[in-house]
C-alpha atoms as a PDB file:
ATOM      1  CA  UNK A   1     -16.006  30.432   4.520  1.00  0.00           C
ATOM      2  CA  UNK A   2     -12.636  29.102   5.606  1.00  0.00           C
ATOM      3  CA  UNK A   3     -12.884  26.146   7.959  1.00  0.00           C
ATOM      4  CA  UNK A   4      -9.531  25.485   9.639  1.00  0.00           C
ATOM      5  CA  UNK A   5      -8.408  22.010  10.545  1.00  0.00           C
ATOM      6  CA  UNK A   6      -7.358  21.442  14.184  1.00  0.00           C
ATOM      7  CA  UNK A   7      -3.709  22.402  13.581  1.00  0.00           C
ATOM      8  CA  UNK A   8      -4.645  25.541  11.660  1.00  0.00           C
ATOM      9  CA  UNK A   9      -7.166  26.514  14.338  1.00  0.00           C
ATOM     10  CA  UNK A  10      -4.551  26.296  17.104  1.00  0.00           C
ATOM     11  CA  UNK A  11      -2.163  28.471  15.115  1.00  0.00           C
ATOM     12  CA  UNK A  12      -4.880  31.025  14.351  1.00  0.00           C
ATOM     13  CA  UNK A  13      -5.832  31.138  18.008  1.00  0.00           C
ATOM     14  CA  UNK A  14      -2.218  31.947  18.873  1.00  0.00           C
ATOM     15  CA  UNK A  15      -2.042  34.682  16.211  1.00  0.00           C
ATOM     16  CA  UNK A  16      -5.246  36.370  17.326  1.00  0.00           C
ATOM     17  CA  UNK A  17      -4.508  36.177  21.034  1.00  0.00           C
ATOM     18  CA  UNK A  18      -0.978  37.505  20.540  1.00  0.00           C
ATOM     19  CA  UNK A  19      -2.345  40.387  18.467  1.00  0.00           C
ATOM     20  CA  UNK A  20      -4.749  41.069  21.335  1.00  0.00           C
ATOM     21  CA  UNK A  21      -1.977  41.028  23.946  1.00  0.00           C
ATOM     22  CA  UNK A  22       0.376  43.181  21.881  1.00  0.00           C
ATOM     23  CA  UNK A  23      -2.285  45.818  21.259  1.00  0.00           C
ATOM     24  CA  UNK A  24      -3.395  45.710  24.888  1.00  0.00           C
ATOM     25  CA  UNK A  25       0.164  46.463  25.969  1.00  0.00           C
ATOM     26  CA  UNK A  26       0.291  49.502  23.674  1.00  0.00           C
ATOM     27  CA  UNK A  27      -3.155  50.749  24.725  1.00  0.00           C
ATOM     28  CA  UNK A  28      -2.366  50.360  28.422  1.00  0.00           C
ATOM     29  CA  UNK A  29       0.797  52.408  28.017  1.00  0.00           C
ATOM     30  CA  UNK A  30      -1.086  55.138  26.172  1.00  0.00           C
ATOM     31  CA  UNK A  31      -3.806  55.207  28.802  1.00  0.00           C
ATOM     32  CA  UNK A  32      -1.132  55.817  31.417  1.00  0.00           C
ATOM     33  CA  UNK A  33       0.002  58.869  29.470  1.00  0.00           C
ATOM     34  CA  UNK A  34       3.237  57.322  28.218  1.00  0.00           C
ATOM     35  CA  UNK A  35       4.179  58.434  24.716  1.00  0.00           C
ATOM     36  CA  UNK A  36       7.006  55.905  24.552  1.00  0.00           C
ATOM     37  CA  UNK A  37       6.949  52.398  26.002  1.00  0.00           C
ATOM     38  CA  UNK A  38       9.249  51.796  28.944  1.00  0.00           C
ATOM     39  CA  UNK A  39      12.204  49.478  28.163  1.00  0.00           C
ATOM     40  CA  UNK A  40      10.638  46.398  29.816  1.00  0.00           C
ATOM     41  CA  UNK A  41       7.427  46.957  27.845  1.00  0.00           C
ATOM     42  CA  UNK A  42       9.423  47.452  24.643  1.00  0.00           C
ATOM     43  CA  UNK A  43      11.188  44.139  25.210  1.00  0.00           C
ATOM     44  CA  UNK A  44       7.878  42.416  25.918  1.00  0.00           C
ATOM     45  CA  UNK A  45       6.305  43.889  22.782  1.00  0.00           C
ATOM     46  CA  UNK A  46       9.323  42.913  20.698  1.00  0.00           C
ATOM     47  CA  UNK A  47       9.017  39.320  21.850  1.00  0.00           C
ATOM     48  CA  UNK A  48       5.249  39.340  21.294  1.00  0.00           C
ATOM     49  CA  UNK A  49       5.566  40.624  17.743  1.00  0.00           C
ATOM     50  CA  UNK A  50       8.363  38.234  16.783  1.00  0.00           C
ATOM     51  CA  UNK A  51       6.386  35.341  18.235  1.00  0.00           C
ATOM     52  CA  UNK A  52       3.259  36.389  16.332  1.00  0.00           C
ATOM     53  CA  UNK A  53       5.255  36.598  13.111  1.00  0.00           C
ATOM     54  CA  UNK A  54       6.620  33.104  13.653  1.00  0.00           C
ATOM     55  CA  UNK A  55       3.102  31.745  14.206  1.00  0.00           C
ATOM     56  CA  UNK A  56       1.920  33.484  11.042  1.00  0.00           C
ATOM     57  CA  UNK A  57       4.758  31.917   9.061  1.00  0.00           C
ATOM     58  CA  UNK A  58       3.887  28.433  10.292  1.00  0.00           C
ATOM     59  CA  UNK A  59       0.179  29.001   9.659  1.00  0.00           C
ATOM     60  CA  UNK A  60       0.965  30.030   6.089  1.00  0.00           C
ATOM     61  CA  UNK A  61       3.151  26.946   5.671  1.00  0.00           C
ATOM     62  CA  UNK A  62       0.249  24.648   6.607  1.00  0.00           C
ATOM     63  CA  UNK A  63      -2.267  26.326   4.308  1.00  0.00           C
ATOM     64  CA  UNK A  64      -3.856  29.274   6.124  1.00  0.00           C
ATOM     65  CA  UNK A  65      -4.574  32.040   3.556  1.00  0.00           C
ATOM     66  CA  UNK A  66      -3.209  35.539   4.099  1.00  0.00           C
ATOM     67  CA  UNK A  67      -6.713  36.971   4.136  1.00  0.00           C
ATOM     68  CA  UNK A  68      -7.587  34.769   7.123  1.00  0.00           C
ATOM     69  CA  UNK A  69      -4.403  35.752   8.959  1.00  0.00           C
ATOM     70  CA  UNK A  70      -5.141  39.429   8.321  1.00  0.00           C
ATOM     71  CA  UNK A  71      -8.681  39.009   9.652  1.00  0.00           C
ATOM     72  CA  UNK A  72      -7.627  37.218  12.848  1.00  0.00           C
ATOM     73  CA  UNK A  73      -4.865  39.756  13.489  1.00  0.00           C
ATOM     74  CA  UNK A  74      -7.291  42.650  13.044  1.00  0.00           C
ATOM     75  CA  UNK A  75      -9.810  40.967  15.337  1.00  0.00           C
ATOM     76  CA  UNK A  76      -7.184  40.634  18.056  1.00  0.00           C
ATOM     77  CA  UNK A  77      -6.120  44.251  17.665  1.00  0.00           C
ATOM     78  CA  UNK A  78      -9.758  45.324  18.031  1.00  0.00           C
ATOM     79  CA  UNK A  79      -9.868  43.647  21.432  1.00  0.00           C
ATOM     80  CA  UNK A  80     -11.287  40.203  20.630  1.00  0.00           C
ATOM     81  CA  UNK A  81      -9.665  36.995  21.759  1.00  0.00           C
ATOM     82  CA  UNK A  82     -10.035  33.852  19.672  1.00  0.00           C
ATOM     83  CA  UNK A  83     -13.352  32.055  19.966  1.00  0.00           C
ATOM     84  CA  UNK A  84     -13.663  28.451  18.758  1.00  0.00           C
ATOM     85  CA  UNK A  85     -15.913  28.280  15.744  1.00  0.00           C
ATOM     86  CA  UNK A  86     -15.698  31.985  14.976  1.00  0.00           C
ATOM     87  CA  UNK A  87     -16.525  32.688  11.309  1.00  0.00           C
ATOM     88  CA  UNK A  88     -13.607  33.211   8.957  1.00  0.00           C
ATOM     89  CA  UNK A  89     -14.965  34.832   5.832  1.00  0.00           C
ATOM     90  CA  UNK A  90     -12.569  33.840   3.087  1.00  0.00           C
ATOM     91  CA  UNK A  91     -12.792  31.771  -0.081  1.00  0.00           C
ATOM     92  CA  UNK A  92      -9.056  31.936  -0.685  1.00  0.00           C
ATOM     93  CA  UNK A  93      -7.226  28.624  -0.972  1.00  0.00           C
ATOM     94  CA  UNK A  94      -3.553  27.740  -1.202  1.00  0.00           C
ATOM     95  CA  UNK A  95      -2.710  25.006  -3.694  1.00  0.00           C
ATOM     96  CA  UNK A  96      -0.992  21.961  -2.217  1.00  0.00           C
ATOM     97  CA  UNK A  97       1.814  22.238  -4.776  1.00  0.00           C
ATOM     98  CA  UNK A  98       2.540  25.715  -3.408  1.00  0.00           C
ATOM     99  CA  UNK A  99       2.708  24.397   0.156  1.00  0.00           C
ATOM    100  CA  UNK A 100       5.002  21.525  -0.808  1.00  0.00           C
ATOM    101  CA  UNK A 101       7.282  23.926  -2.666  1.00  0.00           C
ATOM    102  CA  UNK A 102       7.384  26.171   0.396  1.00  0.00           C
ATOM    103  CA  UNK A 103       8.305  23.187   2.539  1.00  0.00           C
ATOM    104  CA  UNK A 104      11.233  22.407   0.234  1.00  0.00           C
ATOM    105  CA  UNK A 105      12.493  25.944   0.765  1.00  0.00           C
ATOM    106  CA  UNK A 106      12.166  25.549   4.552  1.00  0.00           C
ATOM    107  CA  UNK A 107      14.161  22.299   4.466  1.00  0.00           C
ATOM    108  CA  UNK A 108      16.857  24.066   2.455  1.00  0.00           C
ATOM    109  CA  UNK A 109      17.020  26.846   5.044  1.00  0.00           C
ATOM    110  CA  UNK A 110      17.377  24.240   7.808  1.00  0.00           C
ATOM    111  CA  UNK A 111      20.250  22.602   5.956  1.00  0.00           C
ATOM    112  CA  UNK A 112      21.953  25.965   5.468  1.00  0.00           C
ATOM    113  CA  UNK A 113      21.527  26.591   9.177  1.00  0.00           C
ATOM    114  CA  UNK A 114      23.552  23.450   9.849  1.00  0.00           C
ATOM    115  CA  UNK A 115      26.233  24.681   7.459  1.00  0.00           C
ATOM    116  CA  UNK A 116      26.396  28.060   9.157  1.00  0.00           C
ATOM    117  CA  UNK A 117      26.745  26.436  12.568  1.00  0.00           C
ATOM    118  CA  UNK A 118      29.538  24.209  11.289  1.00  0.00           C
ATOM    119  CA  UNK A 119      31.377  27.092   9.613  1.00  0.00           C
ATOM    120  CA  UNK A 120      31.200  29.448  12.586  1.00  0.00           C
ATOM    121  CA  UNK A 121      32.247  26.753  15.046  1.00  0.00           C
ATOM    122  CA  UNK A 122      35.245  26.012  12.831  1.00  0.00           C
ATOM    123  CA  UNK A 123      36.310  29.626  12.259  1.00  0.00           C
ATOM    124  CA  UNK A 124      35.443  31.470  15.468  1.00  0.00           C
ATOM    125  CA  UNK A 125      35.964  30.974  19.203  1.00  0.00           C
ATOM    126  CA  UNK A 126      32.577  30.144  20.693  1.00  0.00           C
ATOM    127  CA  UNK A 127      31.460  30.102  24.287  1.00  0.00           C
ATOM    128  CA  UNK A 128      29.519  27.168  25.662  1.00  0.00           C
ATOM    129  CA  UNK A 129      26.517  29.494  26.020  1.00  0.00           C
ATOM    130  CA  UNK A 130      26.752  30.624  22.413  1.00  0.00           C
ATOM    131  CA  UNK A 131      26.858  27.167  20.890  1.00  0.00           C
ATOM    132  CA  UNK A 132      24.133  25.921  23.233  1.00  0.00           C
ATOM    133  CA  UNK A 133      21.880  28.764  22.078  1.00  0.00           C
ATOM    134  CA  UNK A 134      22.531  27.813  18.462  1.00  0.00           C
ATOM    135  CA  UNK A 135      21.693  24.166  19.166  1.00  0.00           C
ATOM    136  CA  UNK A 136      18.405  25.114  20.799  1.00  0.00           C
ATOM    137  CA  UNK A 137      17.465  27.435  17.942  1.00  0.00           C
ATOM    138  CA  UNK A 138      18.279  24.785  15.363  1.00  0.00           C
ATOM    139  CA  UNK A 139      16.457  22.122  17.354  1.00  0.00           C
ATOM    140  CA  UNK A 140      13.307  24.238  17.393  1.00  0.00           C
ATOM    141  CA  UNK A 141      13.625  24.899  13.651  1.00  0.00           C
ATOM    142  CA  UNK A 142      14.132  21.185  13.000  1.00  0.00           C
ATOM    143  CA  UNK A 143      10.974  20.330  14.933  1.00  0.00           C
ATOM    144  CA  UNK A 144       8.988  23.050  13.193  1.00  0.00           C
ATOM    145  CA  UNK A 145      10.011  21.975   9.688  1.00  0.00           C
ATOM    146  CA  UNK A 146       9.273  18.337  10.468  1.00  0.00           C
ATOM    147  CA  UNK A 147       5.914  19.183  12.030  1.00  0.00           C
ATOM    148  CA  UNK A 148       4.886  21.159   8.954  1.00  0.00           C
ATOM    149  CA  UNK A 149       5.867  18.220   6.758  1.00  0.00           C
ATOM    150  CA  UNK A 150       3.668  15.973   8.883  1.00  0.00           C
ATOM    151  CA  UNK A 151       0.771  18.442   8.713  1.00  0.00           C
ATOM    152  CA  UNK A 152       1.058  18.465   4.920  1.00  0.00           C
ATOM    153  CA  UNK A 153       0.949  14.644   4.878  1.00  0.00           C
ATOM    154  CA  UNK A 154       3.930  14.487   2.548  1.00  0.00           C
ATOM    155  CA  UNK A 155       4.443  11.331   0.541  1.00  0.00           C
ATOM    156  CA  UNK A 156       7.729   9.437   0.576  1.00  0.00           C
ATOM    157  CA  UNK A 157       8.868  10.884  -2.771  1.00  0.00           C
ATOM    158  CA  UNK A 158       7.924  14.396  -1.599  1.00  0.00           C
ATOM    159  CA  UNK A 159       9.976  13.989   1.588  1.00  0.00           C
ATOM    160  CA  UNK A 160      12.997  12.689  -0.315  1.00  0.00           C
ATOM    161  CA  UNK A 161      12.756  15.454  -2.903  1.00  0.00           C
ATOM    162  CA  UNK A 162      12.538  18.080  -0.168  1.00  0.00           C
ATOM    163  CA  UNK A 163      15.699  16.725   1.473  1.00  0.00           C
ATOM    164  CA  UNK A 164      17.725  16.500  -1.740  1.00  0.00           C
ATOM    165  CA  UNK A 165      15.909  18.325  -4.571  1.00  0.00           C
ATOM    166  CA  UNK A 166      18.813  17.937  -7.015  1.00  0.00           C
ATOM    167  CA  UNK A 167      21.298  15.239  -7.851  1.00  0.00           C
ATOM    168  CA  UNK A 168      23.829  16.919  -5.557  1.00  0.00           C
ATOM    169  CA  UNK A 169      24.113  15.848  -1.934  1.00  0.00           C
ATOM    170  CA  UNK A 170      22.645  18.470   0.411  1.00  0.00           C
ATOM    171  CA  UNK A 171      25.916  18.713   2.300  1.00  0.00           C
ATOM    172  CA  UNK A 172      27.794  19.567  -0.885  1.00  0.00           C
ATOM    173  CA  UNK A 173      25.262  22.233  -1.852  1.00  0.00           C
ATOM    174  CA  UNK A 174      25.407  23.764   1.621  1.00  0.00           C
ATOM    175  CA  UNK A 175      29.215  23.722   1.671  1.00  0.00           C
ATOM    176  CA  UNK A 176      29.272  25.603  -1.626  1.00  0.00           C
ATOM    177  CA  UNK A 177      26.715  28.166  -0.459  1.00  0.00           C
ATOM    178  CA  UNK A 178      28.166  28.795   2.979  1.00  0.00           C
ATOM    179  CA  UNK A 179      31.723  28.700   1.676  1.00  0.00           C
ATOM    180  CA  UNK A 180      30.939  31.690  -0.529  1.00  0.00           C
ATOM    181  CA  UNK A 181      29.826  33.914   2.359  1.00  0.00           C
ATOM    182  CA  UNK A 182      31.975  36.751   3.601  1.00  0.00           C
ATOM    183  CA  UNK A 183      32.840  36.560   7.295  1.00  0.00           C
ATOM    184  CA  UNK A 184      30.549  39.481   8.148  1.00  0.00           C
ATOM    185  CA  UNK A 185      27.595  37.862   6.371  1.00  0.00           C
ATOM    186  CA  UNK A 186      28.306  34.483   7.928  1.00  0.00           C
ATOM    187  CA  UNK A 187      28.346  35.948  11.431  1.00  0.00           C
ATOM    188  CA  UNK A 188      25.234  38.044  10.764  1.00  0.00           C
ATOM    189  CA  UNK A 189      23.360  34.894   9.733  1.00  0.00           C
ATOM    190  CA  UNK A 190      24.670  33.043  12.809  1.00  0.00           C
ATOM    191  CA  UNK A 191      23.401  35.801  15.063  1.00  0.00           C
ATOM    192  CA  UNK A 192      20.033  35.898  13.280  1.00  0.00           C
ATOM    193  CA  UNK A 193      19.654  32.167  13.972  1.00  0.00           C
ATOM    194  CA  UNK A 194      20.634  32.479  17.627  1.00  0.00           C
ATOM    195  CA  UNK A 195      18.300  35.441  18.137  1.00  0.00           C
ATOM    196  CA  UNK A 196      15.292  33.242  17.249  1.00  0.00           C
ATOM    197  CA  UNK A 197      15.889  31.132  20.358  1.00  0.00           C
ATOM    198  CA  UNK A 198      13.821  33.439  22.565  1.00  0.00           C
ATOM    199  CA  UNK A 199      10.598  32.800  20.643  1.00  0.00           C
ATOM    200  CA  UNK A 200      11.108  29.838  18.281  1.00  0.00           C
ATOM    201  CA  UNK A 201       9.869  27.349  20.863  1.00  0.00           C
ATOM    202  CA  UNK A 202       6.343  28.804  20.906  1.00  0.00           C
ATOM    203  CA  UNK A 203       5.051  27.491  17.543  1.00  0.00           C
ATOM    204  CA  UNK A 204       6.742  24.151  18.227  1.00  0.00           C
ATOM    205  CA  UNK A 205       4.894  23.873  21.526  1.00  0.00           C
ATOM    206  CA  UNK A 206       1.551  24.570  19.837  1.00  0.00           C
ATOM    207  CA  UNK A 207       2.253  22.050  17.070  1.00  0.00           C
ATOM    208  CA  UNK A 208       3.188  19.429  19.644  1.00  0.00           C
ATOM    209  CA  UNK A 209       0.059  20.224  21.673  1.00  0.00           C
ATOM    210  CA  UNK A 210      -1.951  19.705  18.489  1.00  0.00           C
ATOM    211  CA  UNK A 211      -0.872  16.070  18.557  1.00  0.00           C
ATOM    212  CA  UNK A 212       2.248  16.051  16.375  1.00  0.00           C
ATOM    213  CA  UNK A 213       4.766  13.770  18.068  1.00  0.00           C
ATOM    214  CA  UNK A 214       8.548  13.580  17.822  1.00  0.00           C
ATOM    215  CA  UNK A 215       8.099  10.331  15.906  1.00  0.00           C
ATOM    216  CA  UNK A 216       5.888  12.169  13.402  1.00  0.00           C
ATOM    217  CA  UNK A 217       8.572  14.846  13.045  1.00  0.00           C
ATOM    218  CA  UNK A 218      11.442  12.364  12.741  1.00  0.00           C
ATOM    219  CA  UNK A 219       9.699  10.548   9.898  1.00  0.00           C
ATOM    220  CA  UNK A 220       9.832  13.755   7.867  1.00  0.00           C
ATOM    221  CA  UNK A 221      13.539  14.500   8.379  1.00  0.00           C
ATOM    222  CA  UNK A 222      16.109  11.708   7.993  1.00  0.00           C
ATOM    223  CA  UNK A 223      18.888  13.332  10.057  1.00  0.00           C
ATOM    224  CA  UNK A 224      18.790  14.757  13.587  1.00  0.00           C
ATOM    225  CA  UNK A 225      19.952  18.380  14.030  1.00  0.00           C
ATOM    226  CA  UNK A 226      23.282  17.744  15.774  1.00  0.00           C
ATOM    227  CA  UNK A 227      24.191  15.158  13.151  1.00  0.00           C
ATOM    228  CA  UNK A 228      23.272  17.635  10.407  1.00  0.00           C
ATOM    229  CA  UNK A 229      25.888  20.035  11.769  1.00  0.00           C
ATOM    230  CA  UNK A 230      28.482  17.257  11.939  1.00  0.00           C
ATOM    231  CA  UNK A 231      27.780  16.225   8.334  1.00  0.00           C
ATOM    232  CA  UNK A 232      27.927  19.824   7.181  1.00  0.00           C
ATOM    233  CA  UNK A 233      31.295  20.184   8.943  1.00  0.00           C
ATOM    234  CA  UNK A 234      32.643  17.077   7.243  1.00  0.00           C
ATOM    235  CA  UNK A 235      31.515  18.280   3.808  1.00  0.00           C
ATOM    236  CA  UNK A 236      33.436  21.539   4.092  1.00  0.00           C
ATOM    237  CA  UNK A 237      36.737  19.766   4.811  1.00  0.00           C
ATOM    238  CA  UNK A 238      39.214  18.251   2.320  1.00  0.00           C
ATOM    239  CA  UNK A 239      38.696  14.469   1.999  1.00  0.00           C
ATOM    240  CA  UNK A 240      41.848  13.626   4.000  1.00  0.00           C
ATOM    241  CA  UNK A 241      40.684  15.666   7.003  1.00  0.00           C
ATOM    242  CA  UNK A 242      37.081  14.507   7.285  1.00  0.00           C
ATOM    243  CA  UNK A 243      37.647  12.263  10.285  1.00  0.00           C
ATOM    244  CA  UNK A 244      39.500  15.031  12.083  1.00  0.00           C
ATOM    245  CA  UNK A 245      36.754  17.558  11.349  1.00  0.00           C
ATOM    246  CA  UNK A 246      33.899  15.425  12.567  1.00  0.00           C
ATOM    247  CA  UNK A 247      35.781  14.492  15.709  1.00  0.00           C
ATOM    248  CA  UNK A 248      37.229  17.898  16.477  1.00  0.00           C
ATOM    249  CA  UNK A 249      35.664  21.324  16.772  1.00  0.00           C
ATOM    250  CA  UNK A 250      32.018  20.365  16.144  1.00  0.00           C
ATOM    251  CA  UNK A 251      32.074  17.170  18.169  1.00  0.00           C
ATOM    252  CA  UNK A 252      33.718  18.936  21.067  1.00  0.00           C
ATOM    253  CA  UNK A 253      31.279  21.847  20.927  1.00  0.00           C
ATOM    254  CA  UNK A 254      28.317  19.475  21.012  1.00  0.00           C
ATOM    255  CA  UNK A 255      29.818  17.437  23.837  1.00  0.00           C
ATOM    256  CA  UNK A 256      30.503  20.380  26.115  1.00  0.00           C
ATOM    257  CA  UNK A 257      27.008  21.780  25.668  1.00  0.00           C
ATOM    258  CA  UNK A 258      25.343  18.479  26.553  1.00  0.00           C
ATOM    259  CA  UNK A 259      24.860  15.210  24.723  1.00  0.00           C
ATOM    260  CA  UNK A 260      21.071  15.457  24.614  1.00  0.00           C
ATOM    261  CA  UNK A 261      19.666  16.476  21.245  1.00  0.00           C
ATOM    262  CA  UNK A 262      17.584  19.623  21.174  1.00  0.00           C
ATOM    263  CA  UNK A 263      14.375  17.940  20.054  1.00  0.00           C
ATOM    264  CA  UNK A 264      12.163  18.671  23.024  1.00  0.00           C
ATOM    265  CA  UNK A 265      10.207  21.865  23.522  1.00  0.00           C
ATOM    266  CA  UNK A 266      11.802  23.587  26.488  1.00  0.00           C
ATOM    267  CA  UNK A 267      10.295  26.094  28.870  1.00  0.00           C
ATOM    268  CA  UNK A 268      11.825  29.539  28.432  1.00  0.00           C
ATOM    269  CA  UNK A 269      11.773  32.569  30.670  1.00  0.00           C
ATOM    270  CA  UNK A 270      10.070  34.573  27.899  1.00  0.00           C
ATOM    271  CA  UNK A 271      12.769  37.235  28.035  1.00  0.00           C
ATOM    272  CA  UNK A 272      12.843  39.126  24.751  1.00  0.00           C
ATOM    273  CA  UNK A 273      15.756  39.627  22.450  1.00  0.00           C
ATOM    274  CA  UNK A 274      16.069  43.393  22.144  1.00  0.00           C
ATOM    275  CA  UNK A 275      15.933  44.958  18.686  1.00  0.00           C
ATOM    276  CA  UNK A 276      19.706  45.193  18.284  1.00  0.00           C
ATOM    277  CA  UNK A 277      20.032  41.424  18.570  1.00  0.00           C
ATOM    278  CA  UNK A 278      21.634  40.617  21.909  1.00  0.00           C
ATOM    279  CA  UNK A 279      20.113  37.797  23.916  1.00  0.00           C
ATOM    280  CA  UNK A 280      19.806  38.994  27.516  1.00  0.00           C
ATOM    281  CA  UNK A 281      23.396  40.223  27.497  1.00  0.00           C
ATOM    282  CA  UNK A 282      24.696  36.679  27.068  1.00  0.00           C
ATOM    283  CA  UNK A 283      27.786  35.870  25.038  1.00  0.00           C
ATOM    284  CA  UNK A 284      26.236  34.049  22.085  1.00  0.00           C
ATOM    285  CA  UNK A 285      29.089  34.389  19.661  1.00  0.00           C
ATOM    286  CA  UNK A 286      31.194  36.892  17.787  1.00  0.00           C
ATOM    287  CA  UNK A 287      29.782  40.034  16.288  1.00  0.00           C
ATOM    288  CA  UNK A 288      29.902  40.510  12.507  1.00  0.00           C
END
């Protein structure tokens, strides 16, 4: 029997209830005689599925076994909402070393996200809307990674190793990785980040509701998201142009989109990103 802790239980509740809602939407359309979902329903289902996937990823990161996720998803699809205390028949366990290793990967992805934001802002003309969407998406990711670190009760050495797992500064590693990307790949990764904005806030909201505070999150990550982008921008410049880089394109982009850091869960209008990647028709940056 798997007995979830309070954080795991909240995430499982979200997974099961989203599976219920997604299936209900499909069943209701079929009952009406529609063979294909209408565009608004398709957009709603797209958002529901992406949100469910993001909850599943966070649940896995904090130790929920795949067998438990499969069971709760199936229960929701069969028409059952989450019930507190419902039995979860699984003896599967995830080793803590596996979870800590997964967290290191997530931190690395967050750092690469900062590098991608810095590179695109330097190379491409960006609208205020586009860079603001990136900042929100990165802010949500930053909160999520920090909240998972808190849920895992990482030790000081584990936190430091996650931030810089090698003897090379994270900014240097990111500059080397991002610098090797072709323009089309760089822009595709930018757009993939921005497209998460429509649903990335949901797991963060649940983690915050579970009692994880911004102070808890900040203790896990030594640098705030906007500053990460600035540091990544500086690392990709020649030494004699560092001051210009940190004060130029990135600093200006951050200033014009608002000086507040994207570290609060914000209410969204729940409008889905359609499958081809556009966010509500907004200009969120150049196409690959």
